[in-house]
Amino acid sequence: MKRPIIIAGPCVAESYALLEEVLQALQALETRLPFQLVFKASFDKANRTSLHSYRGPGMDTVLDWFSQLKTKYGCKILTDVHERAQVEEVAKVVDYLQIPAFLCRQTDLVVAAAQSGCGVNIKKGQFMAPEAMAPILAKAYAAKKTPEQEIWVTERGFAFGYGDLVVDMRSFHTLAQTGVPVLFDITHSTQQPPAGKETAISNAQRCYAPLLARSAIATGYVNGAFLEVHPNPQQAKSDAAAQLSIPQATALLEQIIPMLHQAAAWKGIDTQFG
């Protein structure tokens, strides 16, 4: 098996110092654990529920920070794009473009991201059946600029009534049938989206992150993971209840990286029961 893909970093790029602190910690882990690090942060949290919620420093500022990090640390970087007009400028700096879950059906955005030449990670919408991701991934494949360009799909939980998410472990098998590497978004899958007028802030059950991660990897169909990491999650300006501290992320990765390598041998065993 290739080294598993780990997309990790803070939810939003709050400052250059914060990005550098998290990146240094993750790169230190990468030197002793066999995984491929793709550093992530958002320049704009465009889908915040409240008009008053923090969105980020903006595209120009964060792209400059990303450029500095790439020069200094030689890291691979992923960030979200929310509009087709953002793709060209962002693709000049980062290595991977991410299609947010709520935007996974936006054909023009998916096609533009693939045409950029960057790798593309498409989050499965909370409203999408795993089977319905196949034609979306086909759009990206048809628009790829080069044959070696990477396309990934990420499971991040399915809406379970109002204000909760559930991870259907069958989804990983279904998504794997597309032939695209399947990732699991550990931290967003613990979210409890706002479900009433009394709050506009997502809650989360961070305590379930290790349980969900182990369960997903045990399916044998997961090629890597996505997790958001912050030096002080309680003070984070976005996803405070879901993000992991650096010690928590370290403990989790130490546990799941060996599992990811071992689980590669389990893939397909379940066909004996079909």
Protein backbone atom coordinates (compact mmCIF):
# COMPACT_ATOMS: atom_id res chain seq x y z
CA MET A 1 0.00 0.00 0.00
CA LYS A 2 1.11 3.56 -0.66
CA ARG A 3 1.51 5.73 2.40
CA PRO A 4 -1.98 6.81 3.50
CA ILE A 5 -3.06 10.37 2.77
CA ILE A 6 -3.55 12.57 5.82
CA ILE A 7 -5.16 15.95 5.20
CA ALA A 8 -4.71 17.94 8.40
CA GLY A 9 -4.54 21.50 9.65
CA PRO A 10 -6.71 24.18 11.26
CA CYS A 11 -10.26 24.79 10.11
CA VAL A 12 -9.53 28.36 9.09
CA ALA A 13 -6.25 30.25 8.62
CA GLU A 14 -6.53 32.54 11.63
CA SER A 15 -2.90 33.77 11.43
CA TYR A 16 0.42 32.87 9.84
CA ALA A 17 1.84 31.98 13.27
CA LEU A 18 -0.97 29.50 13.89
CA LEU A 19 -0.51 27.85 10.50
CA GLU A 20 3.22 27.51 11.07
CA GLU A 21 2.79 26.03 14.55
CA VAL A 22 0.38 23.34 13.36
CA LEU A 23 2.40 22.56 10.23
CA GLN A 24 5.61 22.11 12.21
CA ALA A 25 3.87 19.66 14.56
CA LEU A 26 2.36 17.67 11.69
CA GLN A 27 5.61 17.52 9.73
CA ALA A 28 7.37 16.23 12.85
CA LEU A 29 4.80 13.43 12.98
CA GLU A 30 5.28 12.69 9.27
CA THR A 31 9.00 12.07 9.87
CA ARG A 32 8.23 9.16 12.22
CA LEU A 33 4.91 7.83 10.95
CA PRO A 34 4.44 6.48 7.39
CA PHE A 35 1.86 8.86 5.88
CA GLN A 36 1.65 11.57 3.21
CA LEU A 37 0.83 14.93 4.78
CA VAL A 38 -1.33 17.41 2.92
CA PHE A 39 -1.62 20.56 5.02
CA LYS A 40 -5.02 22.26 4.97
CA ALA A 41 -6.65 25.50 6.03
CA SER A 42 -9.49 27.62 4.66
CA PHE A 43 -9.09 31.24 3.61
CA ASP A 44 -12.85 31.80 3.86
CA LYS A 45 -15.56 29.90 5.71
CA ALA A 46 -18.24 30.87 3.23
CA ASN A 47 -20.98 28.60 4.59
CA ARG A 48 -21.20 29.95 8.14
CA THR A 49 -24.75 29.92 9.50
CA SER A 50 -24.63 33.41 11.02
CA LEU A 51 -23.69 36.64 9.29
CA HIS A 52 -21.67 37.48 12.41
CA SER A 53 -19.53 34.31 12.46
CA TYR A 54 -15.83 34.59 11.68
CA ARG A 55 -15.04 33.74 8.07
CA GLY A 56 -11.28 34.20 7.76
CA PRO A 57 -8.57 36.66 6.63
CA GLY A 58 -9.51 36.41 2.96
CA MET A 59 -8.02 34.84 -0.13
CA ASP A 60 -5.15 37.23 -0.92
CA THR A 61 -3.77 37.24 2.62
CA VAL A 62 -3.94 33.48 3.08
CA LEU A 63 -2.48 32.69 -0.35
CA ASP A 64 0.51 34.82 0.63
CA TRP A 65 0.84 32.81 3.88
CA PHE A 66 0.59 29.57 1.91
CA SER A 67 3.34 30.72 -0.45
CA GLN A 68 5.61 31.47 2.51
CA LEU A 69 4.92 28.06 4.06
CA LYS A 70 5.59 26.21 0.81
CA THR A 71 8.89 28.04 0.34
CA LYS A 72 10.02 27.48 3.91
CA TYR A 73 8.73 23.93 4.53
CA GLY A 74 8.21 22.37 1.09
CA CYS A 75 4.73 21.22 2.11
CA LYS A 76 1.74 20.19 0.01
CA ILE A 77 -1.28 22.42 0.67
CA LEU A 78 -5.04 21.99 0.20
CA THR A 79 -7.73 24.64 0.52
CA ASP A 80 -11.42 25.04 -0.31
CA VAL A 81 -12.80 26.96 -3.24
CA HIS A 82 -16.39 28.16 -3.17
CA GLU A 83 -16.74 29.92 -6.51
CA ARG A 84 -15.50 29.19 -10.00
CA ALA A 85 -13.86 32.63 -10.10
CA GLN A 86 -11.54 31.67 -7.23
CA VAL A 87 -10.09 28.58 -8.89
CA GLU A 88 -7.47 30.06 -11.23
CA GLU A 89 -5.85 32.30 -8.61
CA VAL A 90 -5.87 29.71 -5.82
CA ALA A 91 -4.52 26.98 -8.11
CA LYS A 92 -1.37 29.03 -8.72
CA VAL A 93 -0.37 28.52 -5.08
CA VAL A 94 -1.84 25.30 -3.67
CA ASP A 95 -1.47 21.67 -4.70
CA TYR A 96 -5.04 20.50 -4.04
CA LEU A 97 -8.41 22.19 -4.37
CA GLN A 98 -11.27 21.00 -2.18
CA ILE A 99 -14.94 21.10 -3.13
CA PRO A 100 -16.95 21.70 0.06
CA ALA A 101 -19.68 19.17 0.87
CA PHE A 102 -22.51 21.65 0.32
CA LEU A 103 -21.14 22.46 -3.16
CA CYS A 104 -20.35 18.96 -4.44
CA ARG A 105 -23.15 19.08 -7.03
CA GLN A 106 -21.97 22.38 -8.55
CA THR A 107 -20.84 21.20 -11.98
CA ASP A 108 -19.03 24.37 -13.04
CA LEU A 109 -17.03 24.46 -9.81
CA VAL A 110 -16.08 20.77 -9.95
CA VAL A 111 -15.07 21.00 -13.62
CA ALA A 112 -13.07 24.20 -13.13
CA ALA A 113 -11.20 22.68 -10.20
CA ALA A 114 -10.27 19.61 -12.24
CA GLN A 115 -9.26 21.72 -15.25
CA SER A 116 -6.86 23.70 -13.03
CA GLY A 117 -4.37 20.84 -12.98
CA CYS A 118 -4.41 20.67 -9.17
CA GLY A 119 -5.46 17.56 -7.33
CA VAL A 120 -9.13 17.68 -6.30
CA ASN A 121 -10.76 16.44 -3.11
CA ILE A 122 -14.56 16.32 -3.32
CA LYS A 123 -16.43 16.15 -0.02
CA LYS A 124 -19.56 14.01 -0.16
CA GLY A 125 -22.54 16.18 0.70
CA GLN A 126 -24.41 15.50 3.94
CA PHE A 127 -27.47 15.06 1.72
CA MET A 128 -25.88 12.69 -0.81
CA ALA A 129 -26.19 8.92 -1.08
CA PRO A 130 -22.74 7.40 -1.72
CA GLU A 131 -24.00 5.95 -5.04
CA ALA A 132 -24.82 9.48 -6.19
CA MET A 133 -21.17 10.53 -5.97
CA ALA A 134 -20.17 8.39 -8.96
CA PRO A 135 -21.38 10.85 -11.65
CA ILE A 136 -19.87 13.77 -9.73
CA LEU A 137 -16.50 12.06 -9.68
CA ALA A 138 -16.95 11.26 -13.37
CA LYS A 139 -17.29 15.00 -14.06
CA ALA A 140 -13.95 15.63 -12.39
CA TYR A 141 -12.27 12.76 -14.22
CA ALA A 142 -13.56 13.94 -17.57
CA ALA A 143 -12.16 17.42 -16.93
CA LYS A 144 -8.72 16.37 -15.66
CA LYS A 145 -5.86 18.28 -17.21
CA THR A 146 -3.36 15.41 -16.92
CA PRO A 147 -3.76 11.63 -16.49
CA GLU A 148 -1.74 11.60 -13.26
CA GLN A 149 -3.88 14.30 -11.63
CA GLU A 150 -5.35 13.03 -8.34
CA ILE A 151 -9.09 12.97 -7.62
CA TRP A 152 -10.25 11.98 -4.12
CA VAL A 153 -13.63 11.64 -2.44
CA THR A 154 -14.21 12.23 1.26
CA GLU A 155 -16.99 10.88 3.47
CA ARG A 156 -18.02 13.32 6.20
CA GLY A 157 -21.26 11.92 7.58
CA PHE A 158 -24.88 12.02 6.49
CA ALA A 159 -27.64 14.26 7.90
CA PHE A 160 -29.47 12.33 10.61
CA GLY A 161 -32.68 14.18 11.29
CA TYR A 162 -32.09 17.76 12.39
CA GLY A 163 -28.85 18.70 14.13
CA ASP A 164 -26.89 15.46 13.90
CA LEU A 165 -24.78 13.37 11.53
CA VAL A 166 -24.30 9.63 11.21
CA VAL A 167 -21.54 7.74 9.40
CA ASP A 168 -22.84 4.78 7.41
CA MET A 169 -19.94 2.34 7.22
CA ARG A 170 -21.40 0.82 4.04
CA SER A 171 -20.65 4.12 2.32
CA PHE A 172 -16.92 3.41 2.16
CA HIS A 173 -17.43 0.21 0.16
CA THR A 174 -19.79 2.00 -2.24
CA LEU A 175 -17.47 4.96 -2.74
CA ALA A 176 -14.52 2.64 -3.33
CA GLN A 177 -16.32 1.09 -6.31
CA THR A 178 -15.70 4.36 -8.20
CA GLY A 179 -11.98 3.55 -8.24
CA VAL A 180 -11.16 6.85 -6.54
CA PRO A 181 -9.18 6.95 -3.26
CA VAL A 182 -11.63 7.29 -0.37
CA LEU A 183 -10.84 9.47 2.64
CA PHE A 184 -12.68 9.83 5.94
CA ASP A 185 -13.27 13.26 7.48
CA ILE A 186 -12.88 12.36 11.14
CA THR A 187 -13.59 15.67 12.81
CA HIS A 188 -16.47 17.01 10.70
CA SER A 189 -18.24 13.68 11.17
CA THR A 190 -18.52 14.46 14.89
CA GLN A 191 -20.41 17.69 14.19
CA GLN A 192 -23.94 18.47 15.33
CA PRO A 193 -25.10 21.20 12.92
CA PRO A 194 -27.28 23.99 14.32
CA ALA A 195 -30.91 22.91 14.28
CA GLY A 196 -32.78 25.76 15.91
CA LYS A 197 -32.97 29.51 16.21
CA GLU A 198 -31.44 29.40 19.70
CA THR A 199 -27.96 28.86 18.24
CA ALA A 200 -26.10 29.51 15.01
CA ILE A 201 -22.99 27.60 16.06
CA SER A 202 -22.32 23.95 15.25
CA ASN A 203 -21.74 21.73 18.23
CA ALA A 204 -19.69 18.52 18.04
CA GLN A 205 -18.91 15.36 19.96
CA ARG A 206 -15.13 15.31 19.67
CA CYS A 207 -14.95 12.34 22.05
CA TYR A 208 -16.20 10.10 19.23
CA ALA A 209 -13.37 10.99 16.81
CA PRO A 210 -11.20 7.93 17.68
CA LEU A 211 -14.18 5.56 17.60
CA LEU A 212 -15.36 6.79 14.21
CA ALA A 213 -11.84 6.76 12.79
CA ARG A 214 -11.15 3.18 13.88
CA SER A 215 -14.53 2.01 12.63
CA ALA A 216 -14.11 3.62 9.20
CA ILE A 217 -10.60 2.26 8.71
CA ALA A 218 -11.75 -1.22 9.73
CA THR A 219 -13.97 -1.36 6.63
CA GLY A 220 -10.79 -1.82 4.58
CA TYR A 221 -11.88 0.76 2.00
CA VAL A 222 -10.34 3.93 3.43
CA ASN A 223 -7.13 5.30 1.90
CA GLY A 224 -6.58 8.15 4.32
CA ALA A 225 -8.09 10.65 6.69
CA PHE A 226 -9.00 14.30 7.08
CA LEU A 227 -8.79 15.98 10.48
CA GLU A 228 -8.76 19.54 11.69
CA VAL A 229 -6.07 20.46 14.21
CA HIS A 230 -5.70 23.60 16.34
CA PRO A 231 -3.22 24.52 19.08
CA ASN A 232 -6.10 25.54 21.35
CA PRO A 233 -9.44 24.25 20.01
CA GLN A 234 -11.47 26.00 22.70
CA GLN A 235 -10.22 29.33 21.32
CA ALA A 236 -10.66 28.43 17.65
CA LYS A 237 -12.70 30.89 15.60
CA SER A 238 -14.45 28.10 13.70
CA ASP A 239 -15.33 24.48 14.59
CA ALA A 240 -14.08 24.91 18.15
CA ALA A 241 -16.02 21.88 19.37
CA ALA A 242 -14.79 19.54 16.62
CA GLN A 243 -11.11 20.37 16.11
CA LEU A 244 -8.41 18.31 17.80
CA SER A 245 -5.54 19.70 19.83
CA ILE A 246 -2.03 18.86 18.67
CA PRO A 247 -1.61 16.20 21.43
CA GLN A 248 -5.01 14.70 20.52
CA ALA A 249 -4.14 14.61 16.81
CA THR A 250 -0.77 13.05 17.63
CA ALA A 251 -2.35 10.29 19.73
CA LEU A 252 -4.97 9.60 17.08
CA LEU A 253 -2.53 9.44 14.18
CA GLU A 254 -0.21 7.17 16.15
CA GLN A 255 -3.16 4.81 16.49
CA ILE A 256 -4.69 4.94 13.03
CA ILE A 257 -1.65 5.06 10.73
CA PRO A 258 -0.71 1.43 11.51
CA MET A 259 -4.39 0.51 11.13
CA LEU A 260 -4.52 2.09 7.67
CA HIS A 261 -1.56 0.01 6.53
CA GLN A 262 -3.02 -3.17 8.01
CA ALA A 263 -6.54 -2.54 6.69
CA ALA A 264 -5.28 -2.59 3.10
CA ALA A 265 -5.07 -6.37 3.47
CA TRP A 266 -8.71 -6.60 4.58
CA LYS A 267 -10.12 -4.99 1.43
CA GLY A 268 -12.22 -7.43 -0.54
CA ILE A 269 -12.45 -10.13 2.15
CA ASP A 270 -16.11 -9.30 2.57
CA THR A 271 -16.82 -10.47 -1.01
CA GLN A 272 -16.81 -14.01 0.41
CA PHE A 273 -20.13 -13.14 2.04
CA GLY A 274 -21.82 -11.65 -1.02
